[in-house]
PDB file of all heavy atoms in Angstrom:
ATOM      1  N   LEU A   1     115.842  81.717  97.077  1.00  0.00           N
ATOM      2  CA  LEU A   1     115.513  82.496  95.826  1.00  0.00           C
ATOM      3  C   LEU A   1     115.512  84.020  96.113  1.00  0.00           C
ATOM      4  O   LEU A   1     116.149  84.754  95.343  1.00  0.00           O
ATOM      5  CB  LEU A   1     114.150  82.031  95.277  1.00  0.00           C
ATOM      6  CG  LEU A   1     113.703  82.849  94.065  1.00  0.00           C
ATOM      7  CD1 LEU A   1     114.610  82.624  92.880  1.00  0.00           C
ATOM      8  CD2 LEU A   1     112.275  82.409  93.718  1.00  0.00           C
ATOM      9  N   GLU A   2     114.889  84.377  97.200  1.00  0.00           N
ATOM     10  CA  GLU A   2     114.832  85.782  97.530  1.00  0.00           C
ATOM     11  C   GLU A   2     116.237  86.416  97.767  1.00  0.00           C
ATOM     12  O   GLU A   2     116.465  87.580  97.413  1.00  0.00           O
ATOM     13  CB  GLU A   2     113.974  86.028  98.718  1.00  0.00           C
ATOM     14  CG  GLU A   2     112.460  85.773  98.467  1.00  0.00           C
ATOM     15  CD  GLU A   2     111.634  85.647  99.690  1.00  0.00           C
ATOM     16  OE1 GLU A   2     112.214  85.686 100.834  1.00  0.00           O
ATOM     17  OE2 GLU A   2     110.372  85.534  99.638  1.00  0.00           O
ATOM     18  N   SER A   3     117.120  85.608  98.369  1.00  0.00           N
ATOM     19  CA  SER A   3     118.505  86.118  98.612  1.00  0.00           C
ATOM     20  C   SER A   3     119.272  86.339  97.363  1.00  0.00           C
ATOM     21  O   SER A   3     120.159  87.176  97.351  1.00  0.00           O
ATOM     22  CB  SER A   3     119.252  85.127  99.547  1.00  0.00           C
ATOM     23  OG  SER A   3     119.566  83.968  98.840  1.00  0.00           O
ATOM     24  N   ILE A   4     118.856  85.723  96.298  1.00  0.00           N
ATOM     25  CA  ILE A   4     119.479  85.936  94.976  1.00  0.00           C
ATOM     26  C   ILE A   4     118.913  87.090  94.237  1.00  0.00           C
ATOM     27  O   ILE A   4     119.639  87.929  93.725  1.00  0.00           O
ATOM     28  CB  ILE A   4     119.354  84.621  94.085  1.00  0.00           C
ATOM     29  CG1 ILE A   4     120.085  83.459  94.703  1.00  0.00           C
ATOM     30  CG2 ILE A   4     119.885  84.880  92.653  1.00  0.00           C
ATOM     31  CD1 ILE A   4     119.775  82.111  94.097  1.00  0.00           C
ATOM     32  N   VAL A   5     117.606  87.204  94.210  1.00  0.00           N
ATOM     33  CA  VAL A   5     116.932  88.135  93.326  1.00  0.00           C
ATOM     34  C   VAL A   5     116.632  89.525  94.015  1.00  0.00           C
ATOM     35  O   VAL A   5     116.820  90.523  93.413  1.00  0.00           O
ATOM     36  CB  VAL A   5     115.539  87.564  92.821  1.00  0.00           C
ATOM     37  CG1 VAL A   5     114.816  88.544  92.006  1.00  0.00           C
ATOM     38  CG2 VAL A   5     115.805  86.295  92.092  1.00  0.00           C
ATOM     39  N   HIS A   6     116.234  89.448  95.298  1.00  0.00           N
ATOM     40  CA  HIS A   6     115.810  90.693  95.922  1.00  0.00           C
ATOM     41  C   HIS A   6     116.851  91.810  96.000  1.00  0.00           C
ATOM     42  O   HIS A   6     116.505  92.983  95.732  1.00  0.00           O
ATOM     43  CB  HIS A   6     115.223  90.421  97.328  1.00  0.00           C
ATOM     44  CG  HIS A   6     113.854  89.820  97.287  1.00  0.00           C
ATOM     45  ND1 HIS A   6     113.236  89.390  98.367  1.00  0.00           N
ATOM     46  CD2 HIS A   6     113.031  89.541  96.236  1.00  0.00           C
ATOM     47  CE1 HIS A   6     111.981  88.874  98.058  1.00  0.00           C
ATOM     48  NE2 HIS A   6     111.923  88.953  96.737  1.00  0.00           N
ATOM     49  N   PRO A   7     118.087  91.487  96.339  1.00  0.00           N
ATOM     50  CA  PRO A   7     119.042  92.572  96.345  1.00  0.00           C
ATOM     51  C   PRO A   7     119.212  93.305  94.988  1.00  0.00           C
ATOM     52  O   PRO A   7     119.379  94.533  94.930  1.00  0.00           O
ATOM     53  CB  PRO A   7     120.395  91.946  96.736  1.00  0.00           C
ATOM     54  CG  PRO A   7     119.914  90.706  97.519  1.00  0.00           C
ATOM     55  CD  PRO A   7     118.702  90.228  96.800  1.00  0.00           C
ATOM     56  N   ILE A   8     119.131  92.564  93.929  1.00  0.00           N
ATOM     57  CA  ILE A   8     119.239  93.131  92.606  1.00  0.00           C
ATOM     58  C   ILE A   8     118.032  94.021  92.312  1.00  0.00           C
ATOM     59  O   ILE A   8     118.115  95.134  91.845  1.00  0.00           O
ATOM     60  CB  ILE A   8     119.366  92.016  91.535  1.00  0.00           C
ATOM     61  CG1 ILE A   8     120.591  91.159  91.826  1.00  0.00           C
ATOM     62  CG2 ILE A   8     119.363  92.661  90.131  1.00  0.00           C
ATOM     63  CD1 ILE A   8     120.626  89.931  90.915  1.00  0.00           C
ATOM     64  N   VAL A   9     116.881  93.513  92.654  1.00  0.00           N
ATOM     65  CA  VAL A   9     115.636  94.175  92.320  1.00  0.00           C
ATOM     66  C   VAL A   9     115.520  95.517  93.126  1.00  0.00           C
ATOM     67  O   VAL A   9     115.246  96.607  92.618  1.00  0.00           O
ATOM     68  CB  VAL A   9     114.410  93.360  92.588  1.00  0.00           C
ATOM     69  CG1 VAL A   9     113.092  94.168  92.494  1.00  0.00           C
ATOM     70  CG2 VAL A   9     114.327  92.212  91.607  1.00  0.00           C
ATOM     71  N   TYR A  10     115.850  95.469  94.400  1.00  0.00           N
ATOM     72  CA  TYR A  10     115.804  96.698  95.232  1.00  0.00           C
ATOM     73  C   TYR A  10     116.779  97.695  94.818  1.00  0.00           C
ATOM     74  O   TYR A  10     116.561  98.956  94.814  1.00  0.00           O
ATOM     75  CB  TYR A  10     115.819  96.392  96.731  1.00  0.00           C
ATOM     76  CG  TYR A  10     114.563  95.853  97.302  1.00  0.00           C
ATOM     77  CD1 TYR A  10     114.443  94.539  97.715  1.00  0.00           C
ATOM     78  CD2 TYR A  10     113.452  96.749  97.455  1.00  0.00           C
ATOM     79  CE1 TYR A  10     113.201  94.109  98.168  1.00  0.00           C
ATOM     80  CE2 TYR A  10     112.255  96.255  97.973  1.00  0.00           C
ATOM     81  CZ  TYR A  10     112.158  94.947  98.310  1.00  0.00           C
ATOM     82  OH  TYR A  10     110.975  94.526  98.803  1.00  0.00           O
ATOM     83  N   ALA A  11     117.925  97.252  94.344  1.00  0.00           N
ATOM     84  CA  ALA A  11     118.941  98.207  93.871  1.00  0.00           C
ATOM     85  C   ALA A  11     118.423  98.875  92.607  1.00  0.00           C
ATOM     86  O   ALA A  11     118.630 100.087  92.418  1.00  0.00           O
ATOM     87  CB  ALA A  11     120.256  97.521  93.562  1.00  0.00           C
ATOM     88  N   ARG A  12     117.773  98.126  91.723  1.00  0.00           N
ATOM     89  CA  ARG A  12     117.242  98.690  90.478  1.00  0.00           C
ATOM     90  C   ARG A  12     116.053  99.677  90.796  1.00  0.00           C
ATOM     91  O   ARG A  12     115.909 100.657  90.121  1.00  0.00           O
ATOM     92  CB  ARG A  12     116.828  97.564  89.580  1.00  0.00           C
ATOM     93  CG  ARG A  12     117.997  96.813  89.040  1.00  0.00           C
ATOM     94  CD  ARG A  12     117.533  95.793  88.008  1.00  0.00           C
ATOM     95  NE  ARG A  12     118.751  95.076  87.508  1.00  0.00           N
ATOM     96  CZ  ARG A  12     118.789  94.334  86.411  1.00  0.00           C
ATOM     97  NH1 ARG A  12     117.690  94.204  85.680  1.00  0.00           N
ATOM     98  NH2 ARG A  12     119.872  93.735  86.042  1.00  0.00           N
ATOM     99  N   VAL A  13     115.295  99.349  91.811  1.00  0.00           N
ATOM    100  CA  VAL A  13     114.189 100.289  92.220  1.00  0.00           C
ATOM    101  C   VAL A  13     114.807 101.590  92.699  1.00  0.00           C
ATOM    102  O   VAL A  13     114.353 102.667  92.359  1.00  0.00           O
ATOM    103  CB  VAL A  13     113.298  99.625  93.292  1.00  0.00           C
ATOM    104  CG1 VAL A  13     112.339 100.664  93.905  1.00  0.00           C
ATOM    105  CG2 VAL A  13     112.483  98.488  92.710  1.00  0.00           C
ATOM    106  N   ARG A  14     115.822 101.484  93.535  1.00  0.00           N
ATOM    107  CA  ARG A  14     116.433 102.742  94.055  1.00  0.00           C
ATOM    108  C   ARG A  14     117.042 103.570  92.909  1.00  0.00           C
ATOM    109  O   ARG A  14     116.942 104.756  92.837  1.00  0.00           O
ATOM    110  CB  ARG A  14     117.553 102.380  95.092  1.00  0.00           C
ATOM    111  CG  ARG A  14     117.011 101.871  96.403  1.00  0.00           C
ATOM    112  CD  ARG A  14     118.168 101.798  97.479  1.00  0.00           C
ATOM    113  NE  ARG A  14     119.167 100.822  97.061  1.00  0.00           N
ATOM    114  CZ  ARG A  14     119.153  99.501  97.439  1.00  0.00           C
ATOM    115  NH1 ARG A  14     118.163  99.068  98.112  1.00  0.00           N
ATOM    116  NH2 ARG A  14     120.163  98.743  97.035  1.00  0.00           N
ATOM    117  N   ASP A  15     117.681 102.866  91.943  1.00  0.00           N
ATOM    118  CA  ASP A  15     118.272 103.537  90.828  1.00  0.00           C
ATOM    119  C   ASP A  15     117.150 104.252  89.974  1.00  0.00           C
ATOM    120  O   ASP A  15     117.315 105.376  89.503  1.00  0.00           O
ATOM    121  CB  ASP A  15     119.030 102.594  89.870  1.00  0.00           C
ATOM    122  CG  ASP A  15     120.322 102.138  90.568  1.00  0.00           C
ATOM    123  OD1 ASP A  15     120.744 102.758  91.558  1.00  0.00           O
ATOM    124  OD2 ASP A  15     120.894 101.106  90.114  1.00  0.00           O
ATOM    125  N   TRP A  16     116.005 103.556  89.834  1.00  0.00           N
ATOM    126  CA  TRP A  16     114.864 104.170  89.103  1.00  0.00           C
ATOM    127  C   TRP A  16     114.404 105.405  89.663  1.00  0.00           C
ATOM    128  O   TRP A  16     114.173 106.399  88.975  1.00  0.00           O
ATOM    129  CB  TRP A  16     113.776 103.104  88.970  1.00  0.00           C
ATOM    130  CG  TRP A  16     112.561 103.589  88.266  1.00  0.00           C
ATOM    131  CD1 TRP A  16     112.377 103.695  86.897  1.00  0.00           C
ATOM    132  CD2 TRP A  16     111.361 104.086  88.780  1.00  0.00           C
ATOM    133  NE1 TRP A  16     111.167 104.231  86.567  1.00  0.00           N
ATOM    134  CE2 TRP A  16     110.485 104.470  87.757  1.00  0.00           C
ATOM    135  CE3 TRP A  16     110.906 104.227  90.139  1.00  0.00           C
ATOM    136  CZ2 TRP A  16     109.261 104.989  87.949  1.00  0.00           C
ATOM    137  CZ3 TRP A  16     109.601 104.753  90.356  1.00  0.00           C
ATOM    138  CH2 TRP A  16     108.843 105.141  89.277  1.00  0.00           C
ATOM    139  N   PHE A  17     114.246 105.441  90.961  1.00  0.00           N
ATOM    140  CA  PHE A  17     113.754 106.693  91.613  1.00  0.00           C
ATOM    141  C   PHE A  17     114.701 107.881  91.376  1.00  0.00           C
ATOM    142  O   PHE A  17     114.296 109.002  91.231  1.00  0.00           O
ATOM    143  CB  PHE A  17     113.568 106.479  93.144  1.00  0.00           C
ATOM    144  CG  PHE A  17     112.282 105.879  93.484  1.00  0.00           C
ATOM    145  CD1 PHE A  17     112.176 104.573  94.010  1.00  0.00           C
ATOM    146  CD2 PHE A  17     111.100 106.602  93.337  1.00  0.00           C
ATOM    147  CE1 PHE A  17     110.976 104.007  94.322  1.00  0.00           C
ATOM    148  CE2 PHE A  17     109.849 106.043  93.698  1.00  0.00           C
ATOM    149  CZ  PHE A  17     109.772 104.761  94.179  1.00  0.00           C
ATOM    150  N   THR A  18     116.009 107.562  91.291  1.00  0.00           N
ATOM    151  CA  THR A  18     116.970 108.672  91.072  1.00  0.00           C
ATOM    152  C   THR A  18     116.903 109.253  89.722  1.00  0.00           C
ATOM    153  O   THR A  18     117.406 110.378  89.418  1.00  0.00           O
ATOM    154  CB  THR A  18     118.432 108.240  91.338  1.00  0.00           C
ATOM    155  OG1 THR A  18     118.828 107.215  90.335  1.00  0.00           O
ATOM    156  CG2 THR A  18     118.590 107.581  92.756  1.00  0.00           C
ATOM    157  N   THR A  19     116.272 108.519  88.704  1.00  0.00           N
ATOM    158  CA  THR A  19     116.110 109.048  87.351  1.00  0.00           C
ATOM    159  C   THR A  19     114.937 109.958  87.198  1.00  0.00           C
ATOM    160  O   THR A  19     114.835 110.646  86.199  1.00  0.00           O
ATOM    161  CB  THR A  19     115.984 107.865  86.368  1.00  0.00           C
ATOM    162  OG1 THR A  19     114.654 107.227  86.537  1.00  0.00           O
ATOM    163  CG2 THR A  19     117.128 106.790  86.501  1.00  0.00           C
ATOM    164  N   LEU A  20     114.047 110.029  88.211  1.00  0.00           N
ATOM    165  CA  LEU A  20     112.832 110.804  88.028  1.00  0.00           C
ATOM    166  C   LEU A  20     113.124 112.343  88.262  1.00  0.00           C
ATOM    167  O   LEU A  20     113.772 112.636  89.230  1.00  0.00           O
ATOM    168  CB  LEU A  20     111.764 110.343  89.074  1.00  0.00           C
ATOM    169  CG  LEU A  20     111.347 108.895  88.912  1.00  0.00           C
ATOM    170  CD1 LEU A  20     110.281 108.568  89.918  1.00  0.00           C
ATOM    171  CD2 LEU A  20     110.825 108.590  87.499  1.00  0.00           C
ATOM    172  N   PRO A  21     112.615 113.201  87.476  1.00  0.00           N
ATOM    173  CA  PRO A  21     112.853 114.598  87.612  1.00  0.00           C
ATOM    174  C   PRO A  21     112.148 115.217  88.774  1.00  0.00           C
ATOM    175  O   PRO A  21     111.014 114.738  89.114  1.00  0.00           O
ATOM    176  CB  PRO A  21     112.430 115.212  86.235  1.00  0.00           C
ATOM    177  CG  PRO A  21     111.354 114.224  85.823  1.00  0.00           C
ATOM    178  CD  PRO A  21     111.851 112.907  86.236  1.00  0.00           C
ATOM    179  N   VAL A  22     112.692 116.200  89.409  1.00  0.00           N
ATOM    180  CA  VAL A  22     112.061 116.903  90.501  1.00  0.00           C
ATOM    181  C   VAL A  22     111.693 118.256  89.961  1.00  0.00           C
ATOM    182  O   VAL A  22     112.441 118.947  89.348  1.00  0.00           O
ATOM    183  CB  VAL A  22     113.033 116.976  91.710  1.00  0.00           C
ATOM    184  CG1 VAL A  22     112.384 117.787  92.815  1.00  0.00           C
ATOM    185  CG2 VAL A  22     113.393 115.594  92.180  1.00  0.00           C
ATOM    186  N   ALA A  23     110.461 118.720  90.327  1.00  0.00           N
ATOM    187  CA  ALA A  23     109.998 120.002  89.893  1.00  0.00           C
ATOM    188  C   ALA A  23     110.711 121.128  90.610  1.00  0.00           C
ATOM    189  O   ALA A  23     111.507 120.904  91.524  1.00  0.00           O
ATOM    190  CB  ALA A  23     108.484 120.129  90.041  1.00  0.00           C
ATOM    191  N   GLY A  24     110.339 122.360  90.221  1.00  0.00           N
ATOM    192  CA  GLY A  24     111.024 123.551  90.883  1.00  0.00           C
ATOM    193  C   GLY A  24     110.697 123.695  92.350  1.00  0.00           C
ATOM    194  O   GLY A  24     109.970 122.830  92.912  1.00  0.00           O
ATOM    195  N   PRO A  25     111.260 124.700  92.980  1.00  0.00           N
ATOM    196  CA  PRO A  25     111.173 124.826  94.396  1.00  0.00           C
ATOM    197  C   PRO A  25     109.807 125.427  94.959  1.00  0.00           C
ATOM    198  O   PRO A  25     109.739 125.641  96.158  1.00  0.00           O
ATOM    199  CB  PRO A  25     112.334 125.818  94.735  1.00  0.00           C
ATOM    200  CG  PRO A  25     112.458 126.610  93.510  1.00  0.00           C
ATOM    201  CD  PRO A  25     112.135 125.675  92.380  1.00  0.00           C
ATOM    202  N   ASP A  26     108.859 125.629  94.110  1.00  0.00           N
ATOM    203  CA  ASP A  26     107.619 126.219  94.526  1.00  0.00           C
ATOM    204  C   ASP A  26     106.863 125.252  95.400  1.00  0.00           C
ATOM    205  O   ASP A  26     106.357 124.228  94.955  1.00  0.00           O
ATOM    206  CB  ASP A  26     106.726 126.567  93.297  1.00  0.00           C
ATOM    207  CG  ASP A  26     105.386 127.223  93.692  1.00  0.00           C
ATOM    208  OD1 ASP A  26     105.189 127.437  94.903  1.00  0.00           O
ATOM    209  OD2 ASP A  26     104.593 127.486  92.817  1.00  0.00           O
ATOM    210  N   ALA A  27     106.790 125.499  96.677  1.00  0.00           N
ATOM    211  CA  ALA A  27     106.221 124.585  97.649  1.00  0.00           C
ATOM    212  C   ALA A  27     104.729 124.372  97.412  1.00  0.00           C
ATOM    213  O   ALA A  27     104.146 123.399  97.836  1.00  0.00           O
ATOM    214  CB  ALA A  27     106.423 125.026  99.055  1.00  0.00           C
ATOM    215  N   ALA A  28     104.051 125.329  96.717  1.00  0.00           N
ATOM    216  CA  ALA A  28     102.669 125.194  96.442  1.00  0.00           C
ATOM    217  C   ALA A  28     102.367 124.290  95.287  1.00  0.00           C
ATOM    218  O   ALA A  28     101.158 123.920  95.128  1.00  0.00           O
ATOM    219  CB  ALA A  28     102.042 126.599  96.196  1.00  0.00           C
ATOM    220  N   ALA A  29     103.325 123.915  94.479  1.00  0.00           N
ATOM    221  CA  ALA A  29     103.141 123.068  93.380  1.00  0.00           C
ATOM    222  C   ALA A  29     102.957 121.608  93.848  1.00  0.00           C
ATOM    223  O   ALA A  29     103.461 121.224  94.890  1.00  0.00           O
ATOM    224  CB  ALA A  29     104.294 123.129  92.472  1.00  0.00           C
ATOM    225  N   PRO A  30     102.178 120.859  93.084  1.00  0.00           N
ATOM    226  CA  PRO A  30     102.023 119.413  93.454  1.00  0.00           C
ATOM    227  C   PRO A  30     103.398 118.765  93.545  1.00  0.00           C
ATOM    228  O   PRO A  30     104.302 119.032  92.761  1.00  0.00           O
ATOM    229  CB  PRO A  30     101.241 118.790  92.272  1.00  0.00           C
ATOM    230  CG  PRO A  30     100.510 119.997  91.712  1.00  0.00           C
ATOM    231  CD  PRO A  30     101.445 121.154  91.866  1.00  0.00           C
ATOM    232  N   ALA A  31     103.523 117.829  94.523  1.00  0.00           N
ATOM    233  CA  ALA A  31     104.811 117.156  94.676  1.00  0.00           C
ATOM    234  C   ALA A  31     104.995 116.133  93.581  1.00  0.00           C
ATOM    235  O   ALA A  31     104.059 115.625  93.013  1.00  0.00           O
ATOM    236  CB  ALA A  31     104.801 116.432  96.076  1.00  0.00           C
ATOM    237  N   ASP A  32     106.239 115.888  93.260  1.00  0.00           N
ATOM    238  CA  ASP A  32     106.576 114.824  92.345  1.00  0.00           C
ATOM    239  C   ASP A  32     106.557 113.506  93.050  1.00  0.00           C
ATOM    240  O   ASP A  32     107.068 113.367  94.146  1.00  0.00           O
ATOM    241  CB  ASP A  32     108.009 115.079  91.768  1.00  0.00           C
ATOM    242  CG  ASP A  32     108.063 116.379  90.916  1.00  0.00           C
ATOM    243  OD1 ASP A  32     107.085 116.550  90.153  1.00  0.00           O
ATOM    244  OD2 ASP A  32     109.065 117.049  90.990  1.00  0.00           O
ATOM    245  N   VAL A  33     105.985 112.502  92.362  1.00  0.00           N
ATOM    246  CA  VAL A  33     105.756 111.203  92.990  1.00  0.00           C
ATOM    247  C   VAL A  33     106.154 110.100  92.025  1.00  0.00           C
ATOM    248  O   VAL A  33     105.852 110.199  90.818  1.00  0.00           O
ATOM    249  CB  VAL A  33     104.289 111.017  93.362  1.00  0.00           C
ATOM    250  CG1 VAL A  33     104.038 109.707  94.035  1.00  0.00           C
ATOM    251  CG2 VAL A  33     103.816 112.154  94.233  1.00  0.00           C
ATOM    252  N   GLY A  34     106.821 109.049  92.461  1.00  0.00           N
ATOM    253  CA  GLY A  34     107.133 107.873  91.763  1.00  0.00           C
ATOM    254  C   GLY A  34     106.477 106.718  92.498  1.00  0.00           C
ATOM    255  O   GLY A  34     106.521 106.647  93.689  1.00  0.00           O
ATOM    256  N   ILE A  35     105.971 105.729  91.738  1.00  0.00           N
ATOM    257  CA  ILE A  35     105.232 104.576  92.368  1.00  0.00           C
ATOM    258  C   ILE A  35     105.895 103.317  91.878  1.00  0.00           C
ATOM    259  O   ILE A  35     105.994 103.065  90.661  1.00  0.00           O
ATOM    260  CB  ILE A  35     103.775 104.588  92.066  1.00  0.00           C
ATOM    261  CG1 ILE A  35     103.148 105.891  92.560  1.00  0.00           C
ATOM    262  CG2 ILE A  35     103.142 103.381  92.707  1.00  0.00           C
ATOM    263  CD1 ILE A  35     101.629 106.024  92.230  1.00  0.00           C
ATOM    264  N   ALA A  36     106.341 102.461  92.836  1.00  0.00           N
ATOM    265  CA  ALA A  36     106.905 101.156  92.514  1.00  0.00           C
ATOM    266  C   ALA A  36     106.009 100.117  93.105  1.00  0.00           C
ATOM    267  O   ALA A  36     105.705 100.082  94.290  1.00  0.00           O
ATOM    268  CB  ALA A  36     108.337 101.061  93.090  1.00  0.00           C
ATOM    269  N   ASP A  37     105.688  99.159  92.224  1.00  0.00           N
ATOM    270  CA  ASP A  37     104.861  97.951  92.647  1.00  0.00           C
ATOM    271  C   ASP A  37     105.794  96.960  93.266  1.00  0.00           C
ATOM    272  O   ASP A  37     106.684  96.385  92.607  1.00  0.00           O
ATOM    273  CB  ASP A  37     104.171  97.394  91.393  1.00  0.00           C
ATOM    274  CG  ASP A  37     103.361  96.143  91.769  1.00  0.00           C
ATOM    275  OD1 ASP A  37     103.296  95.718  92.893  1.00  0.00           O
ATOM    276  OD2 ASP A  37     102.722  95.616  90.797  1.00  0.00           O
ATOM    277  N   ILE A  38     105.685  96.759  94.598  1.00  0.00           N
ATOM    278  CA  ILE A  38     106.578  95.852  95.323  1.00  0.00           C
ATOM    279  C   ILE A  38     105.759  94.787  96.009  1.00  0.00           C
ATOM    280  O   ILE A  38     105.293  95.023  97.167  1.00  0.00           O
ATOM    281  CB  ILE A  38     107.446  96.654  96.353  1.00  0.00           C
ATOM    282  CG1 ILE A  38     108.094  97.952  95.729  1.00  0.00           C
ATOM    283  CG2 ILE A  38     108.463  95.745  97.015  1.00  0.00           C
ATOM    284  CD1 ILE A  38     109.209  97.653  94.837  1.00  0.00           C
ATOM    285  N   PRO A  39     105.519  93.669  95.458  1.00  0.00           N
ATOM    286  CA  PRO A  39     104.623  92.698  96.007  1.00  0.00           C
ATOM    287  C   PRO A  39     104.987  92.221  97.424  1.00  0.00           C
ATOM    288  O   PRO A  39     104.148  92.047  98.291  1.00  0.00           O
ATOM    289  CB  PRO A  39     104.686  91.534  95.068  1.00  0.00           C
ATOM    290  CG  PRO A  39     105.024  92.127  93.724  1.00  0.00           C
ATOM    291  CD  PRO A  39     105.998  93.203  94.107  1.00  0.00           C
ATOM    292  N   LEU A  40     106.258  92.050  97.693  1.00  0.00           N
ATOM    293  CA  LEU A  40     106.733  91.474  98.981  1.00  0.00           C
ATOM    294  C   LEU A  40     107.393  92.551  99.834  1.00  0.00           C
ATOM    295  O   LEU A  40     108.360  92.334 100.545  1.00  0.00           O
ATOM    296  CB  LEU A  40     107.687  90.344  98.797  1.00  0.00           C
ATOM    297  CG  LEU A  40     107.173  89.155  98.019  1.00  0.00           C
ATOM    298  CD1 LEU A  40     108.278  88.061  97.899  1.00  0.00           C
ATOM    299  CD2 LEU A  40     105.960  88.549  98.739  1.00  0.00           C
ATOM    300  N   LEU A  41     106.808  93.764  99.810  1.00  0.00           N
ATOM    301  CA  LEU A  41     107.373  94.896 100.522  1.00  0.00           C
ATOM    302  C   LEU A  41     107.540  94.589 102.028  1.00  0.00           C
ATOM    303  O   LEU A  41     108.623  94.745 102.614  1.00  0.00           O
ATOM    304  CB  LEU A  41     106.518  96.119 100.327  1.00  0.00           C
ATOM    305  CG  LEU A  41     106.945  97.355 101.093  1.00  0.00           C
ATOM    306  CD1 LEU A  41     108.178  97.995 100.379  1.00  0.00           C
ATOM    307  CD2 LEU A  41     105.863  98.357 101.157  1.00  0.00           C
ATOM    308  N   TYR A  42     106.517  94.217 102.688  1.00  0.00           N
ATOM    309  CA  TYR A  42     106.545  94.024 104.150  1.00  0.00           C
ATOM    310  C   TYR A  42     107.307  92.720 104.501  1.00  0.00           C
ATOM    311  O   TYR A  42     108.019  92.620 105.484  1.00  0.00           O
ATOM    312  CB  TYR A  42     105.122  93.951 104.731  1.00  0.00           C
ATOM    313  CG  TYR A  42     104.389  95.276 104.684  1.00  0.00           C
ATOM    314  CD1 TYR A  42     103.291  95.452 103.966  1.00  0.00           C
ATOM    315  CD2 TYR A  42     104.911  96.343 105.460  1.00  0.00           C
ATOM    316  CE1 TYR A  42     102.638  96.693 103.923  1.00  0.00           C
ATOM    317  CE2 TYR A  42     104.250  97.587 105.424  1.00  0.00           C
ATOM    318  CZ  TYR A  42     103.141  97.790 104.661  1.00  0.00           C
ATOM    319  OH  TYR A  42     102.512  99.003 104.685  1.00  0.00           O
TER     320      TYR A  42
END
């Protein structure tokens, strides 16, 4: 089951992160963060 579903899910997670905006270059500003709930990460 994992061999069927996981490649699709991880590809979609990677794509999701690329859609998140990044703030300006001010290093003192809080970093931009995205959080993905990944139950079987390890």
